[in-house]
Protein backbone atom coordinates (compact mmCIF):
# COMPACT_ATOMS: atom_id res chain seq x y z
CA MET A 1 1.22 -25.29 -0.51
CA VAL A 2 2.18 -21.91 -1.78
CA ALA A 3 5.92 -21.37 -2.09
CA ALA A 4 7.46 -18.53 -0.03
CA TRP A 5 8.83 -15.56 -1.71
CA PRO A 6 12.61 -14.99 -1.60
CA GLU A 7 13.56 -13.04 1.62
CA PRO A 8 14.11 -9.62 0.02
CA VAL A 9 10.56 -9.90 -1.51
CA GLU A 10 8.96 -10.77 1.82
CA ARG A 11 11.01 -7.81 3.23
CA VAL A 12 9.10 -5.51 0.68
CA SER A 13 5.78 -7.48 1.13
CA MET A 14 5.97 -6.66 4.86
CA PHE A 15 7.08 -3.02 4.44
CA LEU A 16 4.06 -2.56 2.23
CA ARG A 17 1.50 -4.25 4.52
CA ASP A 18 2.83 -2.33 7.41
CA ALA A 19 2.44 0.90 5.37
CA GLY A 20 -1.17 0.03 4.38
CA ALA A 21 0.05 0.34 0.79
CA GLU A 22 -2.65 0.14 -2.11
CA VAL A 23 -0.32 -2.01 -4.24
CA ARG A 24 0.27 -5.67 -5.56
CA ILE A 25 3.23 -7.51 -6.02
CA GLU A 26 3.31 -9.86 -9.04
CA GLU A 27 5.85 -12.74 -9.73
CA PHE A 28 6.81 -13.30 -13.60
CA SER A 29 8.25 -16.41 -14.60
CA GLU A 30 10.25 -14.90 -17.38
CA GLY A 31 11.93 -12.51 -15.10
CA ALA A 32 12.20 -8.56 -15.15
CA ALA A 33 15.80 -7.74 -14.45
CA THR A 34 15.87 -5.16 -17.35
CA ALA A 35 13.26 -2.32 -17.90
CA ALA A 36 12.55 -3.83 -21.31
CA ASP A 37 12.15 -7.36 -19.73
CA ALA A 38 9.92 -5.75 -17.00
CA ALA A 39 7.72 -3.74 -19.47
CA GLU A 40 7.07 -7.00 -21.44
CA ALA A 41 6.37 -9.11 -18.49
CA ALA A 42 3.89 -6.44 -16.79
CA GLY A 43 2.28 -5.69 -20.29
CA CYS A 44 2.96 -1.92 -19.81
CA ALA A 45 4.83 0.67 -21.86
CA LEU A 46 8.65 1.22 -21.04
CA ASP A 47 8.15 4.51 -19.29
CA GLN A 48 5.87 2.99 -16.69
CA ILE A 49 8.81 0.97 -15.45
CA VAL A 50 10.65 2.53 -12.42
CA LYS A 51 14.30 1.90 -12.49
CA SER A 52 16.17 2.29 -8.87
CA LEU A 53 19.42 3.84 -9.88
CA VAL A 54 21.92 3.89 -6.71
CA LEU A 55 24.35 6.44 -7.14
CA ILE A 56 27.20 7.59 -4.91
CA CYS A 57 27.31 11.26 -4.19
CA GLY A 58 30.51 11.97 -2.21
CA ASP A 59 30.27 9.18 0.22
CA ARG A 60 26.49 9.21 0.46
CA PRO A 61 24.22 6.63 -1.41
CA VAL A 62 21.37 8.38 -3.21
CA VAL A 63 18.55 6.42 -5.17
CA ALA A 64 16.97 7.93 -8.25
CA LEU A 65 13.78 6.44 -9.59
CA VAL A 66 13.87 6.96 -13.35
CA PRO A 67 11.46 5.68 -15.96
CA GLY A 68 12.42 2.66 -17.94
CA ASP A 69 13.00 4.56 -21.30
CA ARG A 70 15.28 7.30 -19.80
CA GLN A 71 18.80 7.42 -18.28
CA GLY A 72 19.47 8.90 -15.04
CA ASP A 73 21.69 12.14 -14.95
CA PRO A 74 24.43 11.80 -12.37
CA GLU A 75 25.16 15.58 -12.68
CA LYS A 76 21.58 16.47 -11.87
CA VAL A 77 21.55 14.04 -8.79
CA ALA A 78 24.99 15.40 -7.55
CA ARG A 79 23.61 18.92 -7.71
CA ILE A 80 20.35 18.02 -5.75
CA ALA A 81 22.29 16.04 -3.35
CA GLY A 82 24.81 18.88 -2.63
CA ALA A 83 27.70 16.92 -3.79
CA GLY A 84 30.51 17.75 -6.22
CA SER A 85 29.94 14.52 -8.37
CA ALA A 86 27.96 11.48 -8.50
CA ARG A 87 28.69 8.03 -9.76
CA ILE A 88 26.87 4.69 -10.41
CA ALA A 89 27.33 2.57 -7.44
CA SER A 90 29.21 -0.55 -7.63
CA ALA A 91 27.45 -3.94 -7.08
CA GLN A 92 28.73 -4.23 -3.58
CA GLU A 93 27.79 -0.46 -2.86
CA VAL A 94 24.42 -1.22 -4.27
CA GLU A 95 23.76 -4.20 -1.88
CA ARG A 96 25.56 -2.61 1.09
CA ALA A 97 23.09 0.77 0.86
CA THR A 98 19.91 -0.92 -0.18
CA GLY A 99 20.03 -4.62 1.04
CA PHE A 100 18.90 -5.58 -2.44
CA ALA A 101 21.31 -7.20 -5.29
CA PRO A 102 21.56 -5.09 -8.43
CA GLY A 103 18.91 -5.70 -10.86
CA ALA A 104 16.38 -6.36 -8.07
CA VAL A 105 16.41 -2.95 -6.08
CA ALA A 106 13.26 -2.00 -4.80
CA PRO A 107 12.61 1.65 -3.92
CA PHE A 108 11.65 0.64 -0.48
CA PRO A 109 12.45 -0.06 2.45
CA LEU A 110 15.69 1.80 2.11
CA PRO A 111 16.70 2.55 5.66
CA LEU A 112 20.31 3.45 4.84
CA VAL A 113 19.32 5.91 2.09
CA ASP A 114 18.28 9.25 3.28
CA LEU A 115 17.75 10.85 -0.24
CA ILE A 116 15.46 9.33 -2.72
CA LEU A 117 14.54 11.14 -5.77
CA LEU A 118 11.39 10.46 -8.08
CA GLU A 119 11.72 11.48 -11.72
CA ARG A 120 8.63 13.78 -11.92
CA THR A 121 7.62 12.47 -15.44
CA LEU A 122 6.64 9.20 -13.75
CA LEU A 123 3.80 11.05 -12.07
CA LYS A 124 1.78 11.46 -15.29
CA HIS A 125 0.81 7.53 -15.13
CA PRO A 126 -1.99 6.12 -13.25
CA LEU A 127 0.11 2.94 -12.59
CA VAL A 128 4.01 2.35 -12.60
CA TRP A 129 5.86 -0.73 -11.98
CA ALA A 130 8.89 -0.96 -9.80
CA GLY A 131 11.41 -3.76 -8.42
CA ALA A 132 10.02 -5.70 -5.51
CA GLY A 133 13.35 -7.24 -4.37
CA SER A 134 14.11 -9.87 -6.95
CA PRO A 135 14.43 -10.07 -10.77
CA ARG A 136 11.23 -12.03 -11.11
CA HIS A 137 9.04 -9.61 -8.80
CA LEU A 138 7.44 -6.26 -9.45
CA VAL A 139 5.15 -4.13 -7.62
CA GLY A 140 2.37 -2.19 -9.32
CA LEU A 141 1.35 0.97 -7.79
CA ALA A 142 0.35 4.60 -8.26
CA PRO A 143 3.19 7.02 -8.72
CA ALA A 144 1.87 9.18 -5.87
CA GLU A 145 1.96 5.90 -3.51
CA LEU A 146 5.37 5.36 -4.89
CA GLY A 147 6.48 8.66 -3.76
CA ARG A 148 4.88 8.32 -0.31
CA LEU A 149 6.13 5.09 0.44
CA ALA A 150 9.91 5.58 -0.92
CA ARG A 151 9.81 9.07 0.90
CA ALA A 152 10.94 10.48 -2.54
CA ARG A 153 11.24 13.92 -3.76
CA PRO A 154 9.78 14.63 -7.22
CA THR A 155 12.35 16.25 -9.42
CA ASP A 156 14.16 16.16 -12.73
CA VAL A 157 16.90 13.39 -12.51
CA VAL A 158 16.94 12.22 -16.23
CA LYS A 159 19.37 13.12 -18.94
CA ASP A 160 17.87 15.65 -21.40
CA TYR A 161 17.57 14.41 -25.02
CA ASP A 162 20.09 15.89 -27.22
CA SER A 163 17.85 15.66 -30.31
CA PRO A 164 13.95 14.85 -30.81
CA GLY A 165 14.58 11.14 -31.87
CA GLU A 166 17.24 10.42 -29.28
CA LYS A 167 16.41 8.39 -26.13
CA GLY A 168 18.58 6.82 -23.46
CA GLY A 169 18.13 3.40 -21.95
């Protein structure tokens, strides 16, 4: 008998099935709660991991989908959202807005989030890996499919590097 996936992973799986998505969900015994762990588990480069960052812009939750090797830029997100400022959501705000626990946020389904931003540099990859509802589950998909399924707007949402060798995490 195959063990059932946790409820949040089942929710993601049902959404993907209903959307006719070309994806696969993988479970990793070693876990994938951080971008580095996820890249190691999936056997891919860190910039192919999609971090789902939840920010509060005014009183509105906004999700920024950012490569694992970069940092989201709250100022850019606030500007795009038409807000005066943006801050990283608290654990309670993340769960309330997305239905997922921090470290396990999937980019879909997010019925309470009306603005999802996709860092455009993710589009250069043939395959990216995003959270699938638990720290042990990832979904692998083409970035264009990620954008379609998440209803995401491609844009620039990462911090600029201050010097050629500097990278955020």
